[in-house]
Amino acid sequence: MPAPLPAIDFDPAAAFPEVHDMRAALTARDWPRVRQLLDSRDWAGRSLLADVADDIEGVGDFLREVLAHRPGDTVAATMLAGHLVAEGWKIRTSLHAEHVSREQFDQLHEHLRQAEQILIDVCAREPGNVLAWQERLTTARGLQLGQAEARRRYDRLARYAPHHLRAQSGLLQQLCPKWSGSWDAVFAFARERMLAAPEGAQNAVLLAEAHFERYYAFDTDGERAAYVRDPQVVQDIWTAAQRSVLHPHFRHEPGWVSTRSVFALWFGLLDQWAAAAAQFAALGHLGSEYPWNYFGGTGMLDKFRTEAYAKGGPR
């Protein structure tokens, strides 16, 4: 009998120990250490570490204190704006709009407007602040500023970080019909950014995410079953995988856990269990909430992982 599979660790610090360092610095209210950790990393690394603030109790008050003493600190301002955005979305919840109250929407919009005012000032002071533009993609979506404005913001960001996956995933959401976009726009953007990025980069996951959004948007299981049998869908998933997780230049950089998870899920949906098993083997005990939260959470991850090893080969 095979040994039990290891429990999945969803903590990003399991893949990136520097997350522990950031938590410790924020908890200790050690702003110089926070800046040291952030300033030494690229935009993807800064985005990963900035997210840590959402887990720290009282971080909003701490960031306001930093700004009271350092009013020109654009890093503190951007992190405060990001905190406001995250808090606003927590109030709104991830439920469909018809299940969200008017009061929840009002509180979301108030948080987003406060964040937007901070971010406008940051971008005026520091036009190349990629994290600020990344947050402004989220505020644009939440405040329903429209497709053209969201694309304008992304284009400003892309001047400084043309392959910033976090922002690309954000714009992909904006382009979906659920945010008044279109599937043509979703797939055109995903293919464009996949082909523009170097082979082996994570950006090809955008095409897999686009197909995932389309799959999830269907109303019936029958439609979804037909979709995963579509030869174009199958070809696209393999093409995206070969340019990313299956490419010899693929690296375990920030975001890699969710990127491999997207392909593990897709290979399972396509009944390509050997390929799914290879992704689960690369992940080991590591996991990410996305994309499994779209499918009911960790239960679906465990089901897919068990089936992948049972049908797809050794682990």
Protein backbone atom coordinates (compact mmCIF):
# COMPACT_ATOMS: atom_id res chain seq x y z
CA MET A 1 0.00 0.00 0.00
CA PRO A 2 1.47 3.41 -0.94
CA ALA A 3 2.34 5.84 1.83
CA PRO A 4 -0.26 8.56 2.54
CA LEU A 5 0.14 11.71 0.52
CA PRO A 6 1.65 14.64 2.47
CA ALA A 7 -0.70 17.32 3.76
CA ILE A 8 -0.82 20.38 1.53
CA ASP A 9 0.80 23.53 2.91
CA PHE A 10 -0.96 26.61 1.54
CA ASP A 11 1.29 29.09 3.32
CA PRO A 12 3.35 31.01 0.71
CA ALA A 13 6.21 31.02 3.22
CA ALA A 14 6.59 27.29 2.60
CA ALA A 15 7.79 28.10 -0.92
CA PHE A 16 9.36 31.47 -0.13
CA PRO A 17 10.90 31.71 3.38
CA GLU A 18 11.32 35.47 2.99
CA VAL A 19 7.58 35.72 3.61
CA HIS A 20 8.35 34.72 7.21
CA ASP A 21 10.88 37.57 7.37
CA MET A 22 8.31 40.07 6.12
CA ARG A 23 5.72 38.91 8.62
CA ALA A 24 8.25 39.28 11.42
CA ALA A 25 9.27 42.78 10.27
CA LEU A 26 5.66 43.98 10.02
CA THR A 27 4.69 42.43 13.34
CA ALA A 28 7.69 44.11 14.99
CA ARG A 29 6.77 47.41 13.28
CA ASP A 30 10.31 47.53 11.86
CA TRP A 31 9.89 49.76 8.81
CA PRO A 32 13.59 49.89 7.81
CA ARG A 33 13.59 46.08 7.68
CA VAL A 34 10.37 46.06 5.62
CA ARG A 35 11.96 48.43 3.13
CA GLN A 36 15.14 46.35 3.02
CA LEU A 37 13.17 43.22 2.19
CA LEU A 38 11.09 44.92 -0.50
CA ASP A 39 13.72 47.08 -2.12
CA SER A 40 16.04 44.15 -2.79
CA ARG A 41 13.53 42.30 -4.99
CA ASP A 42 12.03 42.58 -8.45
CA TRP A 43 8.40 43.57 -8.95
CA ALA A 44 7.11 40.00 -8.71
CA GLY A 45 8.96 39.52 -5.43
CA ARG A 46 7.74 42.85 -4.07
CA SER A 47 4.17 41.93 -4.97
CA LEU A 48 4.51 38.64 -3.10
CA LEU A 49 5.92 40.31 0.02
CA ALA A 50 3.53 43.26 -0.03
CA ASP A 51 0.62 40.82 0.18
CA VAL A 52 1.88 39.72 3.59
CA ALA A 53 0.51 42.94 5.08
CA ASP A 54 -3.04 41.60 4.72
CA ASP A 55 -2.32 38.96 7.38
CA ILE A 56 -0.92 41.33 10.03
CA GLU A 57 -3.29 42.70 12.66
CA GLY A 58 -3.25 46.47 12.90
CA VAL A 59 -1.09 46.90 9.80
CA GLY A 60 -3.23 49.77 8.53
CA ASP A 61 -2.53 51.83 11.64
CA PHE A 62 1.17 50.98 11.39
CA LEU A 63 1.39 52.13 7.76
CA ARG A 64 -0.41 55.36 8.62
CA GLU A 65 2.14 55.95 11.39
CA VAL A 66 4.96 55.41 8.91
CA LEU A 67 3.41 57.93 6.54
CA ALA A 68 2.93 60.45 9.35
CA HIS A 69 6.70 60.44 9.83
CA ARG A 70 7.64 59.83 6.17
CA PRO A 71 4.89 61.46 4.07
CA GLY A 72 6.87 60.95 0.87
CA ASP A 73 7.35 57.19 1.33
CA THR A 74 5.64 55.76 -1.75
CA VAL A 75 6.21 52.18 -0.59
CA ALA A 76 4.24 52.74 2.62
CA ALA A 77 1.55 54.59 0.67
CA THR A 78 1.22 51.81 -1.89
CA MET A 79 1.03 49.17 0.83
CA LEU A 80 -1.64 51.15 2.67
CA ALA A 81 -3.66 51.44 -0.52
CA GLY A 82 -3.28 47.71 -1.11
CA HIS A 83 -4.45 47.06 2.44
CA LEU A 84 -7.55 49.20 1.86
CA VAL A 85 -8.29 47.35 -1.37
CA ALA A 86 -7.96 43.97 0.32
CA GLU A 87 -10.15 45.01 3.25
CA GLY A 88 -12.78 46.33 0.87
CA TRP A 89 -12.95 43.07 -1.06
CA LYS A 90 -13.19 41.08 2.17
CA ILE A 91 -16.29 43.11 3.05
CA ARG A 92 -17.77 42.57 -0.40
CA THR A 93 -16.90 38.81 -0.30
CA SER A 94 -16.43 36.65 -3.39
CA LEU A 95 -20.14 35.92 -3.78
CA HIS A 96 -21.97 36.78 -6.98
CA ALA A 97 -23.28 40.34 -7.03
CA GLU A 98 -26.90 39.33 -6.40
CA HIS A 99 -25.83 37.91 -3.03
CA VAL A 100 -23.95 41.04 -1.92
CA SER A 101 -25.87 43.70 0.02
CA ARG A 102 -26.02 47.37 -0.87
CA GLU A 103 -24.19 48.17 2.39
CA GLN A 104 -21.37 45.78 1.45
CA PHE A 105 -21.00 47.42 -1.95
CA ASP A 106 -21.00 50.87 -0.39
CA GLN A 107 -18.21 49.88 2.00
CA LEU A 108 -16.22 48.30 -0.81
CA HIS A 109 -16.48 51.44 -2.92
CA GLU A 110 -15.50 53.66 0.01
CA HIS A 111 -12.37 51.59 0.61
CA LEU A 112 -11.53 51.62 -3.09
CA ARG A 113 -12.02 55.39 -3.38
CA GLN A 114 -9.67 55.96 -0.44
CA ALA A 115 -7.10 53.66 -2.03
CA GLU A 116 -7.49 55.33 -5.40
CA GLN A 117 -6.74 58.76 -3.97
CA ILE A 118 -3.56 57.45 -2.36
CA LEU A 119 -2.51 55.69 -5.57
CA ILE A 120 -3.11 58.72 -7.77
CA ASP A 121 -0.62 60.63 -5.61
CA VAL A 122 1.89 57.74 -5.66
CA CYS A 123 1.75 57.46 -9.46
CA ALA A 124 2.20 61.22 -9.83
CA ARG A 125 5.30 61.09 -7.62
CA GLU A 126 6.62 57.82 -9.03
CA PRO A 127 5.21 56.96 -12.48
CA GLY A 128 7.19 53.71 -12.61
CA ASN A 129 5.70 52.25 -9.42
CA VAL A 130 4.44 48.94 -10.81
CA LEU A 131 2.74 47.87 -7.58
CA ALA A 132 0.73 51.09 -7.51
CA TRP A 133 -0.49 50.54 -11.07
CA GLN A 134 -1.24 46.92 -10.21
CA GLU A 135 -3.50 48.08 -7.37
CA ARG A 136 -5.09 50.64 -9.69
CA LEU A 137 -6.18 47.82 -11.98
CA THR A 138 -8.12 46.38 -9.05
CA THR A 139 -9.64 49.72 -8.07
CA ALA A 140 -10.64 50.31 -11.68
CA ARG A 141 -12.48 46.99 -11.75
CA GLY A 142 -14.17 47.47 -8.38
CA LEU A 143 -15.20 51.05 -9.14
CA GLN A 144 -16.42 49.98 -12.61
CA LEU A 145 -14.32 52.54 -14.46
CA GLY A 146 -14.60 50.57 -17.69
CA GLN A 147 -12.49 48.57 -20.11
CA ALA A 148 -10.70 51.52 -21.73
CA GLU A 149 -9.52 52.94 -18.39
CA ALA A 150 -8.36 49.54 -17.16
CA ARG A 151 -6.38 48.98 -20.35
CA ARG A 152 -4.86 52.48 -20.07
CA ARG A 153 -3.65 51.64 -16.57
CA TYR A 154 -2.23 48.31 -17.66
CA ASP A 155 -0.40 49.95 -20.56
CA ARG A 156 1.20 52.44 -18.17
CA LEU A 157 2.36 49.57 -15.95
CA ALA A 158 3.64 47.57 -18.91
CA ARG A 159 6.06 50.38 -19.84
CA TYR A 160 8.06 49.41 -16.77
CA ALA A 161 7.24 45.69 -16.39
CA PRO A 162 5.99 44.24 -19.70
CA HIS A 163 5.75 40.68 -18.36
CA HIS A 164 4.34 41.33 -14.89
CA LEU A 165 2.03 38.32 -14.55
CA ARG A 166 0.09 39.55 -11.52
CA ALA A 167 -1.08 42.61 -13.42
CA GLN A 168 -1.80 40.58 -16.55
CA SER A 169 -4.00 38.20 -14.57
CA GLY A 170 -5.78 41.22 -13.13
CA LEU A 171 -6.51 42.67 -16.55
CA LEU A 172 -7.62 39.25 -17.78
CA GLN A 173 -10.33 39.35 -15.11
CA GLN A 174 -11.38 42.81 -16.27
CA LEU A 175 -11.68 41.59 -19.86
CA CYS A 176 -14.10 38.80 -18.92
CA PRO A 177 -17.81 39.19 -19.73
CA LYS A 178 -18.59 39.20 -15.98
CA TRP A 179 -16.90 42.61 -15.92
CA SER A 180 -18.50 43.79 -19.20
CA GLY A 181 -15.72 42.45 -21.41
CA SER A 182 -15.82 39.73 -24.05
CA TRP A 183 -14.32 36.29 -24.61
CA ASP A 184 -12.65 37.54 -27.79
CA ALA A 185 -10.83 40.18 -25.76
CA VAL A 186 -9.87 37.65 -23.07
CA PHE A 187 -8.31 35.17 -25.48
CA ALA A 188 -6.66 37.81 -27.64
CA PHE A 189 -4.90 39.30 -24.61
CA ALA A 190 -3.90 35.91 -23.20
CA ARG A 191 -2.34 34.78 -26.49
CA GLU A 192 -0.65 38.14 -27.03
CA ARG A 193 1.03 38.13 -23.62
CA MET A 194 1.94 34.44 -23.83
CA LEU A 195 3.76 34.94 -27.11
CA ALA A 196 5.40 38.20 -26.02
CA ALA A 197 7.00 36.64 -22.94
CA PRO A 198 10.19 34.57 -23.09
CA GLU A 199 9.69 30.83 -23.42
CA GLY A 200 9.84 29.24 -20.00
CA ALA A 201 8.20 32.25 -18.33
CA GLN A 202 5.00 31.80 -16.35
CA ASN A 203 3.00 34.12 -18.60
CA ALA A 204 1.69 31.29 -20.78
CA VAL A 205 -0.55 30.33 -17.86
CA LEU A 206 -2.75 33.25 -18.96
CA LEU A 207 -4.09 31.13 -21.82
CA ALA A 208 -4.90 28.30 -19.40
CA GLU A 209 -6.57 30.84 -17.09
CA ALA A 210 -8.60 32.21 -20.00
CA HIS A 211 -9.92 28.74 -20.80
CA PHE A 212 -10.56 28.16 -17.12
CA GLU A 213 -12.68 31.32 -16.92
CA ARG A 214 -14.62 30.21 -20.01
CA TYR A 215 -15.12 26.73 -18.57
CA TYR A 216 -16.31 28.09 -15.25
CA ALA A 217 -18.77 30.48 -16.93
CA PHE A 218 -20.83 27.71 -18.51
CA ASP A 219 -24.18 27.02 -16.86
CA THR A 220 -24.29 23.23 -17.12
CA ASP A 221 -22.02 20.25 -16.58
CA GLY A 222 -22.83 19.10 -20.10
CA GLU A 223 -21.43 22.31 -21.58
CA ARG A 224 -18.29 21.99 -19.48
CA ALA A 225 -17.82 18.35 -20.49
CA ALA A 226 -18.10 19.31 -24.16
CA TYR A 227 -15.64 22.16 -23.67
CA VAL A 228 -12.86 19.96 -22.31
CA ARG A 229 -13.26 17.68 -25.34
CA ASP A 230 -12.82 20.57 -27.79
CA PRO A 231 -9.57 19.91 -29.71
CA GLN A 232 -8.71 23.64 -29.71
CA VAL A 233 -8.96 23.76 -25.93
CA VAL A 234 -6.78 20.67 -25.55
CA GLN A 235 -4.19 22.07 -27.95
CA ASP A 236 -4.14 25.44 -26.19
CA ILE A 237 -3.55 23.88 -22.76
CA TRP A 238 -0.65 21.80 -24.07
CA THR A 239 0.81 24.76 -25.95
CA ALA A 240 0.65 26.93 -22.83
CA ALA A 241 2.21 24.17 -20.71
CA GLN A 242 5.03 23.61 -23.19
CA ARG A 243 5.87 27.32 -23.08
CA SER A 244 5.84 27.39 -19.27
CA VAL A 245 5.76 24.51 -16.77
CA LEU A 246 7.02 21.92 -19.28
CA HIS A 247 9.79 24.15 -20.65
CA PRO A 248 13.37 23.55 -19.45
CA HIS A 249 13.76 27.24 -18.63
CA PHE A 250 10.78 27.31 -16.24
CA ARG A 251 11.85 28.63 -12.83
CA HIS A 252 10.24 28.53 -9.41
CA GLU A 253 9.76 32.27 -9.09
CA PRO A 254 6.90 34.05 -7.27
CA GLY A 255 3.61 32.67 -8.52
CA TRP A 256 4.97 29.29 -9.60
CA VAL A 257 2.85 27.29 -7.15
CA SER A 258 -0.45 28.60 -8.51
CA THR A 259 0.86 28.33 -12.09
CA ARG A 260 1.65 24.64 -11.70
CA SER A 261 -1.66 24.19 -9.87
CA VAL A 262 -3.61 25.63 -12.81
CA PHE A 263 -2.00 23.10 -15.14
CA ALA A 264 -2.46 20.24 -12.67
CA LEU A 265 -6.16 21.06 -12.59
CA TRP A 266 -6.42 21.41 -16.36
CA PHE A 267 -4.61 18.16 -17.09
CA GLY A 268 -7.01 16.45 -14.72
CA LEU A 269 -10.01 17.97 -16.48
CA LEU A 270 -8.57 16.77 -19.79
CA ASP A 271 -8.09 13.25 -18.38
CA GLN A 272 -4.33 13.62 -18.92
CA TRP A 273 -3.46 12.11 -15.56
CA ALA A 274 0.22 11.42 -16.18
CA ALA A 275 0.76 15.09 -16.97
CA ALA A 276 -1.28 16.08 -13.90
CA ALA A 277 0.78 13.72 -11.73
CA ALA A 278 3.99 15.34 -12.98
CA GLN A 279 2.73 18.75 -11.85
CA PHE A 280 1.67 17.43 -8.45
CA ALA A 281 5.07 15.78 -8.07
CA ALA A 282 6.77 19.11 -8.82
CA LEU A 283 4.53 20.81 -6.26
CA GLY A 284 5.22 18.24 -3.56
CA HIS A 285 3.51 19.39 -0.37
CA LEU A 286 2.96 22.95 -1.65
CA GLY A 287 -0.41 24.31 -2.67
CA SER A 288 -2.23 27.53 -3.49
CA GLU A 289 -5.84 28.52 -2.88
CA TYR A 290 -6.23 29.44 -6.54
CA PRO A 291 -7.49 27.75 -8.72
CA TRP A 292 -8.97 25.16 -6.36
CA ASN A 293 -11.15 27.71 -4.57
CA TYR A 294 -13.21 27.92 -7.79
CA PHE A 295 -13.92 24.19 -7.42
CA GLY A 296 -14.79 23.96 -3.76
CA GLY A 297 -11.34 24.28 -2.20
CA THR A 298 -8.95 21.72 -0.82
CA GLY A 299 -11.31 18.80 -1.24
CA MET A 300 -11.07 19.03 -5.02
CA LEU A 301 -7.29 19.40 -4.84
CA ASP A 302 -7.03 16.22 -2.77
CA LYS A 303 -9.37 14.40 -5.17
CA PHE A 304 -7.37 15.43 -8.25
CA ARG A 305 -4.02 14.67 -6.64
CA THR A 306 -5.12 11.20 -5.51
CA GLU A 307 -6.58 10.41 -8.92
CA ALA A 308 -3.51 11.72 -10.72
CA TYR A 309 -1.18 9.40 -8.84
CA ALA A 310 -3.57 6.47 -9.13
CA LYS A 311 -3.99 6.84 -12.90
CA GLY A 312 -0.92 8.75 -13.97
CA GLY A 313 1.99 6.86 -12.54
CA PRO A 314 4.46 6.98 -9.66
CA ARG A 315 4.92 9.85 -7.25
